[in-house]
Amino acid sequence: MITGIRYSIEPGTRLNACFPNPTLAEIFYRNAELAQALRITVPRGTMGSTDFGNVMRLVPGFCARVAFAPPGTGAHSLAWAEVGKSEEAHECVLTSAKLIAGMALDIIEDKKLLESIRRDHLAERDKSDA
């Protein structure tokens, strides 16, 4: 208001729910096993609505859960933030980078994976729209 900018707000869906991509999940868990990632958790049935859910409407995505905090630590809590400064959290970031790199290499080397990821993306997106 100070700058005199005019705007309008249009009601609509601000944040879309994330949805699974079975092929990306399979590639992730295979790489997690290869990297000996110890604290990988299985995907939740619901993944919530986020800005990443909006991105996933357009391109395939995957929500991984790589733990660094002790079980029961509330996400985004003060305890979680403190544990986030630990060596274990640093190792978690390095392991996550290895998993993402491994996934990328798998997809680059096997064109059929990319086709499967695309099919999964469209099918799961259509299911989430229903």
C-alpha atoms as a PDB file:
ATOM      1  CA  MET A   1       0.000   0.000   0.000  1.00  0.00           C
ATOM      2  CA  ILE A   2       2.901   2.336   0.728  1.00  0.00           C
ATOM      3  CA  THR A   3       4.212   1.964  -2.836  1.00  0.00           C
ATOM      4  CA  GLY A   4       0.804   2.393  -4.447  1.00  0.00           C
ATOM      5  CA  ILE A   5       0.891  -1.031  -6.071  1.00  0.00           C
ATOM      6  CA  ARG A   6      -2.534  -2.383  -6.923  1.00  0.00           C
ATOM      7  CA  TYR A   7      -3.293  -6.070  -6.644  1.00  0.00           C
ATOM      8  CA  SER A   8      -6.178  -8.483  -6.497  1.00  0.00           C
ATOM      9  CA  ILE A   9      -6.507 -11.780  -4.704  1.00  0.00           C
ATOM     10  CA  GLU A  10      -8.173 -14.618  -6.536  1.00  0.00           C
ATOM     11  CA  PRO A  11      -9.443 -17.490  -4.425  1.00  0.00           C
ATOM     12  CA  GLY A  12      -8.130 -20.869  -5.440  1.00  0.00           C
ATOM     13  CA  THR A  13      -5.933 -23.758  -4.439  1.00  0.00           C
ATOM     14  CA  ARG A  14      -2.752 -22.349  -2.984  1.00  0.00           C
ATOM     15  CA  LEU A  15      -1.000 -25.555  -2.046  1.00  0.00           C
ATOM     16  CA  ASN A  16      -1.538 -28.912  -3.725  1.00  0.00           C
ATOM     17  CA  ALA A  17      -0.981 -32.266  -2.097  1.00  0.00           C
ATOM     18  CA  CYS A  18       2.129 -34.218  -2.985  1.00  0.00           C
ATOM     19  CA  PHE A  19       1.525 -37.617  -4.551  1.00  0.00           C
ATOM     20  CA  PRO A  20       3.679 -40.733  -4.946  1.00  0.00           C
ATOM     21  CA  ASN A  21       5.773 -41.814  -7.896  1.00  0.00           C
ATOM     22  CA  PRO A  22       6.347 -45.566  -7.523  1.00  0.00           C
ATOM     23  CA  THR A  23       9.258 -45.686  -9.971  1.00  0.00           C
ATOM     24  CA  LEU A  24      11.117 -42.853  -8.239  1.00  0.00           C
ATOM     25  CA  ALA A  25      10.447 -44.533  -4.894  1.00  0.00           C
ATOM     26  CA  GLU A  26      11.885 -47.823  -6.158  1.00  0.00           C
ATOM     27  CA  ILE A  27      15.019 -46.079  -7.463  1.00  0.00           C
ATOM     28  CA  PHE A  28      15.411 -44.167  -4.188  1.00  0.00           C
ATOM     29  CA  TYR A  29      15.137 -47.239  -1.950  1.00  0.00           C
ATOM     30  CA  ARG A  30      17.491 -49.242  -4.159  1.00  0.00           C
ATOM     31  CA  ASN A  31      20.081 -46.466  -3.853  1.00  0.00           C
ATOM     32  CA  ALA A  32      19.434 -46.168  -0.109  1.00  0.00           C
ATOM     33  CA  GLU A  33      20.343 -49.827   0.253  1.00  0.00           C
ATOM     34  CA  LEU A  34      23.502 -49.383  -1.843  1.00  0.00           C
ATOM     35  CA  ALA A  35      24.544 -46.343   0.219  1.00  0.00           C
ATOM     36  CA  GLN A  36      23.782 -48.239   3.431  1.00  0.00           C
ATOM     37  CA  ALA A  37      21.516 -45.419   4.560  1.00  0.00           C
ATOM     38  CA  LEU A  38      20.498 -46.611   7.998  1.00  0.00           C
ATOM     39  CA  ARG A  39      17.556 -44.400   8.881  1.00  0.00           C
ATOM     40  CA  ILE A  40      15.422 -44.263   5.788  1.00  0.00           C
ATOM     41  CA  THR A  41      11.737 -44.415   6.642  1.00  0.00           C
ATOM     42  CA  VAL A  42       8.973 -45.741   4.446  1.00  0.00           C
ATOM     43  CA  PRO A  43       6.834 -43.140   2.722  1.00  0.00           C
ATOM     44  CA  ARG A  44       3.748 -41.942   4.524  1.00  0.00           C
ATOM     45  CA  GLY A  45       0.347 -42.656   3.029  1.00  0.00           C
ATOM     46  CA  THR A  46      -0.375 -38.936   2.910  1.00  0.00           C
ATOM     47  CA  MET A  47       2.279 -36.406   2.146  1.00  0.00           C
ATOM     48  CA  GLY A  48       0.526 -33.141   2.841  1.00  0.00           C
ATOM     49  CA  SER A  49       0.045 -30.013   0.810  1.00  0.00           C
ATOM     50  CA  THR A  50       3.070 -27.874   0.080  1.00  0.00           C
ATOM     51  CA  ASP A  51       4.553 -25.650  -2.574  1.00  0.00           C
ATOM     52  CA  PHE A  52       6.358 -28.802  -3.748  1.00  0.00           C
ATOM     53  CA  GLY A  53       2.927 -30.340  -4.351  1.00  0.00           C
ATOM     54  CA  ASN A  54       2.309 -27.482  -6.783  1.00  0.00           C
ATOM     55  CA  VAL A  55       5.603 -28.231  -8.561  1.00  0.00           C
ATOM     56  CA  MET A  56       4.697 -31.924  -8.723  1.00  0.00           C
ATOM     57  CA  ARG A  57       1.597 -31.026 -10.746  1.00  0.00           C
ATOM     58  CA  LEU A  58       3.983 -30.083 -13.575  1.00  0.00           C
ATOM     59  CA  VAL A  59       7.007 -32.381 -13.203  1.00  0.00           C
ATOM     60  CA  PRO A  60       7.674 -35.716 -11.494  1.00  0.00           C
ATOM     61  CA  GLY A  61       8.902 -35.472  -7.928  1.00  0.00           C
ATOM     62  CA  PHE A  62       9.586 -37.611  -4.898  1.00  0.00           C
ATOM     63  CA  CYS A  63       9.310 -36.916  -1.170  1.00  0.00           C
ATOM     64  CA  ALA A  64      12.087 -38.782   0.614  1.00  0.00           C
ATOM     65  CA  ARG A  65      12.365 -39.134   4.362  1.00  0.00           C
ATOM     66  CA  VAL A  66      15.943 -39.376   5.560  1.00  0.00           C
ATOM     67  CA  ALA A  67      16.025 -39.075   9.350  1.00  0.00           C
ATOM     68  CA  PHE A  68      18.726 -37.327  11.354  1.00  0.00           C
ATOM     69  CA  ALA A  69      16.867 -36.613  14.593  1.00  0.00           C
ATOM     70  CA  PRO A  70      15.929 -39.198  17.233  1.00  0.00           C
ATOM     71  CA  PRO A  71      12.507 -40.806  16.746  1.00  0.00           C
ATOM     72  CA  GLY A  72       9.780 -38.674  18.294  1.00  0.00           C
ATOM     73  CA  THR A  73      11.571 -35.361  17.722  1.00  0.00           C
ATOM     74  CA  GLY A  74       8.998 -32.922  16.376  1.00  0.00           C
ATOM     75  CA  ALA A  75       9.864 -31.563  12.948  1.00  0.00           C
ATOM     76  CA  HIS A  76      10.691 -27.850  13.008  1.00  0.00           C
ATOM     77  CA  SER A  77      10.898 -27.847  16.826  1.00  0.00           C
ATOM     78  CA  LEU A  78      13.760 -26.315  18.828  1.00  0.00           C
ATOM     79  CA  ALA A  79      15.078 -29.826  19.591  1.00  0.00           C
ATOM     80  CA  TRP A  80      14.976 -30.675  15.879  1.00  0.00           C
ATOM     81  CA  ALA A  81      16.868 -27.481  15.019  1.00  0.00           C
ATOM     82  CA  GLU A  82      19.541 -28.274  17.618  1.00  0.00           C
ATOM     83  CA  VAL A  83      20.012 -31.827  16.312  1.00  0.00           C
ATOM     84  CA  GLY A  84      20.234 -30.303  12.829  1.00  0.00           C
ATOM     85  CA  LYS A  85      23.600 -28.804  13.817  1.00  0.00           C
ATOM     86  CA  SER A  86      25.072 -32.208  14.684  1.00  0.00           C
ATOM     87  CA  GLU A  87      27.586 -34.372  12.871  1.00  0.00           C
ATOM     88  CA  GLU A  88      24.810 -36.935  12.345  1.00  0.00           C
ATOM     89  CA  ALA A  89      22.733 -34.310  10.517  1.00  0.00           C
ATOM     90  CA  HIS A  90      25.749 -33.404   8.367  1.00  0.00           C
ATOM     91  CA  GLU A  91      26.221 -37.092   7.499  1.00  0.00           C
ATOM     92  CA  CYS A  92      22.513 -37.267   6.653  1.00  0.00           C
ATOM     93  CA  VAL A  93      22.930 -34.443   4.122  1.00  0.00           C
ATOM     94  CA  LEU A  94      25.922 -36.209   2.536  1.00  0.00           C
ATOM     95  CA  THR A  95      24.025 -39.503   2.364  1.00  0.00           C
ATOM     96  CA  SER A  96      21.034 -37.740   0.820  1.00  0.00           C
ATOM     97  CA  ALA A  97      23.286 -36.187  -1.839  1.00  0.00           C
ATOM     98  CA  LYS A  98      24.665 -39.653  -2.654  1.00  0.00           C
ATOM     99  CA  LEU A  99      21.137 -41.015  -2.995  1.00  0.00           C
ATOM    100  CA  ILE A 100      20.087 -38.214  -5.329  1.00  0.00           C
ATOM    101  CA  ALA A 101      23.244 -38.644  -7.421  1.00  0.00           C
ATOM    102  CA  GLY A 102      22.654 -42.390  -7.617  1.00  0.00           C
ATOM    103  CA  MET A 103      19.061 -41.832  -8.693  1.00  0.00           C
ATOM    104  CA  ALA A 104      20.167 -39.375 -11.383  1.00  0.00           C
ATOM    105  CA  LEU A 105      22.763 -41.811 -12.701  1.00  0.00           C
ATOM    106  CA  ASP A 106      20.215 -44.646 -12.832  1.00  0.00           C
ATOM    107  CA  ILE A 107      17.798 -42.462 -14.801  1.00  0.00           C
ATOM    108  CA  ILE A 108      20.502 -41.236 -17.189  1.00  0.00           C
ATOM    109  CA  GLU A 109      21.721 -44.772 -17.848  1.00  0.00           C
ATOM    110  CA  ASP A 110      18.289 -46.371 -18.310  1.00  0.00           C
ATOM    111  CA  LYS A 111      15.920 -44.486 -20.623  1.00  0.00           C
ATOM    112  CA  LYS A 112      13.098 -46.905 -19.719  1.00  0.00           C
ATOM    113  CA  LEU A 113      13.168 -45.558 -16.155  1.00  0.00           C
ATOM    114  CA  LEU A 114      12.419 -42.052 -17.375  1.00  0.00           C
ATOM    115  CA  GLU A 115       9.473 -43.344 -19.400  1.00  0.00           C
ATOM    116  CA  SER A 116       8.169 -45.201 -16.328  1.00  0.00           C
ATOM    117  CA  ILE A 117       8.614 -42.100 -14.150  1.00  0.00           C
ATOM    118  CA  ARG A 118       6.597 -40.060 -16.650  1.00  0.00           C
ATOM    119  CA  ARG A 119       3.826 -42.677 -16.799  1.00  0.00           C
ATOM    120  CA  ASP A 120       3.674 -42.863 -13.002  1.00  0.00           C
ATOM    121  CA  HIS A 121       3.600 -39.082 -12.775  1.00  0.00           C
ATOM    122  CA  LEU A 122       0.636 -38.718 -15.096  1.00  0.00           C
ATOM    123  CA  ALA A 123      -1.286 -41.648 -13.591  1.00  0.00           C
ATOM    124  CA  GLU A 124      -0.759 -40.546  -9.964  1.00  0.00           C
ATOM    125  CA  ARG A 125      -1.511 -36.907 -10.810  1.00  0.00           C
ATOM    126  CA  ASP A 126      -4.751 -37.953 -12.493  1.00  0.00           C
ATOM    127  CA  LYS A 127      -5.670 -40.080  -9.444  1.00  0.00           C
ATOM    128  CA  SER A 128      -5.023 -37.141  -7.116  1.00  0.00           C
ATOM    129  CA  ASP A 129      -7.290 -34.965  -9.275  1.00  0.00           C
ATOM    130  CA  ALA A 130     -10.212 -37.406  -8.973  1.00  0.00           C
END
